[in-house]
Amino acid sequence: MSQSITPSPARVPHEPDLRTVELLCERLGEMELPIGADAARAILREVLALEAPRMEAEVREALQTSIDTIRIAAQSASGVLGSVAPVRTRPKPRPPEPVLDPAPRRPVSSPTPRPAPARRSAPRRQPESDGGDDPGGERRPVFRRPRGR
């Protein structure tokens, strides 16, 4: 990419395109100045030989301006990057880990006690109704006195 934009020592003559030659012949024919393709080609060669240095100078100047602009931008960017302190970023937070219940701890020395079998309650006896005060057979609350007094 480090090619220089200097003119080459051996100049290649500019050769007009076939379409350009036809265009010149057509336009001169409209002006009632008909010429052949060889004459039109010779005229175009002379015009291009005269105009080529001016057009090349303009193109070279535009290219040089572009190269200078790119060079200045690269130098500015390099200077900015060199003068700025490196950016310190915070470490990314780790995603939360699932919370698991701890394993139950068992005593090592004593075996696990077995649950006591359920006690069977004695079947309740239905008090026999003595036909006392309550004909419907409803039970009355019983108040007991404390013993030992």
Protein backbone atom coordinates (compact mmCIF):
# COMPACT_ATOMS: atom_id res chain seq x y z
CA MET A 1 0.00 0.00 0.00
CA SER A 2 3.00 2.29 0.06
CA GLN A 3 2.89 3.18 -3.60
CA SER A 4 3.95 6.67 -4.46
CA ILE A 5 1.87 8.87 -6.69
CA THR A 6 4.62 10.12 -8.93
CA PRO A 7 4.29 10.36 -12.70
CA SER A 8 5.71 7.46 -14.60
CA PRO A 9 8.71 8.36 -16.77
CA ALA A 10 7.38 6.72 -19.95
CA ARG A 11 4.11 8.35 -20.91
CA VAL A 12 1.51 6.11 -22.44
CA PRO A 13 -0.57 8.05 -24.95
CA HIS A 14 -4.21 8.20 -24.04
CA GLU A 15 -6.27 6.21 -26.50
CA PRO A 16 -9.90 7.27 -26.94
CA ASP A 17 -12.58 4.63 -26.52
CA LEU A 18 -14.66 3.45 -29.50
CA ARG A 19 -17.83 4.91 -27.94
CA THR A 20 -16.06 8.29 -27.59
CA VAL A 21 -15.01 8.27 -31.24
CA GLU A 22 -18.57 7.44 -32.34
CA LEU A 23 -19.96 10.24 -30.16
CA LEU A 24 -17.61 12.80 -31.71
CA CYS A 25 -18.48 11.66 -35.24
CA GLU A 26 -22.19 11.85 -34.47
CA ARG A 27 -22.04 15.34 -32.91
CA LEU A 28 -19.95 16.77 -35.73
CA GLY A 29 -22.35 15.16 -38.22
CA GLU A 30 -25.28 16.97 -36.56
CA MET A 31 -23.39 20.22 -37.07
CA GLU A 32 -23.02 19.23 -40.73
CA LEU A 33 -19.27 18.63 -40.34
CA PRO A 34 -19.05 14.92 -41.15
CA ILE A 35 -15.66 13.30 -40.41
CA GLY A 36 -14.46 9.74 -40.43
CA ALA A 37 -13.50 7.60 -37.45
CA ASP A 38 -9.73 8.01 -38.09
CA ALA A 39 -9.97 11.82 -38.10
CA ALA A 40 -12.14 11.81 -34.96
CA ARG A 41 -9.67 9.49 -33.20
CA ALA A 42 -6.74 11.79 -34.11
CA ILE A 43 -8.58 14.86 -32.77
CA LEU A 44 -9.43 13.06 -29.53
CA ARG A 45 -5.80 11.93 -29.04
CA GLU A 46 -4.63 15.56 -29.33
CA VAL A 47 -7.30 16.81 -26.93
CA LEU A 48 -6.50 14.10 -24.38
CA ALA A 49 -2.76 14.77 -24.67
CA LEU A 50 -3.38 18.45 -23.86
CA GLU A 51 -5.92 17.88 -21.05
CA ALA A 52 -4.36 14.81 -19.38
CA PRO A 53 -1.69 16.68 -17.36
CA ARG A 54 -4.29 19.08 -15.93
CA MET A 55 -6.71 16.25 -15.04
CA GLU A 56 -3.91 14.15 -13.51
CA ALA A 57 -2.80 17.14 -11.39
CA GLU A 58 -6.32 17.57 -10.04
CA VAL A 59 -6.63 13.85 -9.27
CA ARG A 60 -3.20 13.80 -7.59
CA GLU A 61 -4.11 16.80 -5.46
CA ALA A 62 -7.38 15.18 -4.35
CA LEU A 63 -5.57 11.93 -3.54
CA GLN A 64 -2.86 13.75 -1.59
CA THR A 65 -5.49 15.64 0.40
CA SER A 66 -7.22 12.36 1.24
CA ILE A 67 -3.95 10.74 2.31
CA ASP A 68 -3.06 13.74 4.50
CA THR A 69 -6.48 13.66 6.13
CA ILE A 70 -6.13 9.95 6.90
CA ARG A 71 -2.61 10.45 8.29
CA ILE A 72 -3.71 13.32 10.57
CA ALA A 73 -6.71 11.33 11.81
CA ALA A 74 -4.49 8.31 12.55
CA GLN A 75 -1.98 10.48 14.44
CA SER A 76 -4.76 12.11 16.46
CA ALA A 77 -6.30 8.76 17.33
CA SER A 78 -2.90 7.38 18.32
CA GLY A 79 -2.29 10.40 20.55
CA VAL A 80 -5.69 10.12 22.22
CA LEU A 81 -5.28 6.41 22.84
CA GLY A 82 -1.80 6.95 24.26
CA SER A 83 -2.84 9.74 26.64
CA VAL A 84 -5.96 8.14 28.08
CA ALA A 85 -5.58 5.94 31.13
CA PRO A 86 -6.75 2.39 30.57
CA VAL A 87 -10.37 1.88 31.37
CA ARG A 88 -10.94 -0.19 34.48
CA THR A 89 -14.08 -2.18 34.38
CA ARG A 90 -15.75 -3.83 37.30
CA PRO A 91 -15.77 -7.60 37.16
CA LYS A 92 -19.03 -8.97 35.98
CA PRO A 93 -21.18 -10.24 38.84
CA ARG A 94 -21.42 -13.99 39.00
CA PRO A 95 -24.89 -15.37 38.50
CA PRO A 96 -26.53 -16.35 41.78
CA GLU A 97 -25.98 -19.94 42.75
CA PRO A 98 -29.00 -21.96 43.85
CA VAL A 99 -29.42 -22.16 47.61
CA LEU A 100 -29.57 -25.74 48.80
CA ASP A 101 -30.71 -26.79 52.24
CA PRO A 102 -27.82 -28.11 54.31
CA ALA A 103 -27.63 -31.86 54.80
CA PRO A 104 -29.15 -32.95 58.11
CA ARG A 105 -26.54 -33.60 60.78
CA ARG A 106 -26.78 -36.89 62.62
CA PRO A 107 -24.99 -37.60 65.84
CA VAL A 108 -22.17 -40.02 65.30
CA SER A 109 -22.17 -41.76 68.68
CA SER A 110 -25.86 -42.51 69.27
CA PRO A 111 -28.16 -44.29 66.86
CA THR A 112 -31.26 -42.56 65.64
CA PRO A 113 -34.11 -43.03 68.10
CA ARG A 114 -37.12 -44.77 66.70
CA PRO A 115 -40.44 -43.12 67.14
CA ALA A 116 -42.53 -44.58 69.96
CA PRO A 117 -45.61 -46.47 68.83
CA ALA A 118 -48.80 -44.55 69.18
CA ARG A 119 -50.64 -45.24 72.41
CA ARG A 120 -54.03 -46.69 72.08
CA SER A 121 -56.59 -44.93 74.10
CA ALA A 122 -59.08 -46.98 76.05
CA PRO A 123 -62.50 -46.91 74.52
CA ARG A 124 -64.72 -44.49 76.31
CA ARG A 125 -67.71 -45.79 78.05
CA GLN A 126 -70.95 -44.09 77.54
CA PRO A 127 -72.32 -43.18 80.91
CA GLU A 128 -75.61 -44.75 81.45
CA SER A 129 -78.33 -42.31 81.65
CA ASP A 130 -79.90 -42.50 85.03
CA GLY A 131 -82.92 -40.63 83.91
CA GLY A 132 -82.08 -37.84 86.33
CA ASP A 133 -82.63 -34.21 85.85
CA ASP A 134 -81.97 -34.14 82.12
CA PRO A 135 -84.48 -36.10 80.10
CA GLY A 136 -82.62 -35.46 76.79
CA GLY A 137 -79.57 -37.30 78.04
CA GLU A 138 -77.16 -34.39 77.73
CA ARG A 139 -74.06 -34.51 79.84
CA ARG A 140 -73.42 -31.98 82.51
CA PRO A 141 -70.02 -30.62 83.35
CA VAL A 142 -68.40 -32.14 86.39
CA PHE A 143 -66.37 -29.97 88.71
CA ARG A 144 -63.89 -31.82 90.85
CA ARG A 145 -62.39 -30.61 94.06
CA PRO A 146 -58.67 -30.67 94.58
CA ARG A 147 -57.47 -33.53 96.72
CA GLY A 148 -55.51 -33.24 99.89
CA ARG A 149 -57.18 -30.41 101.69
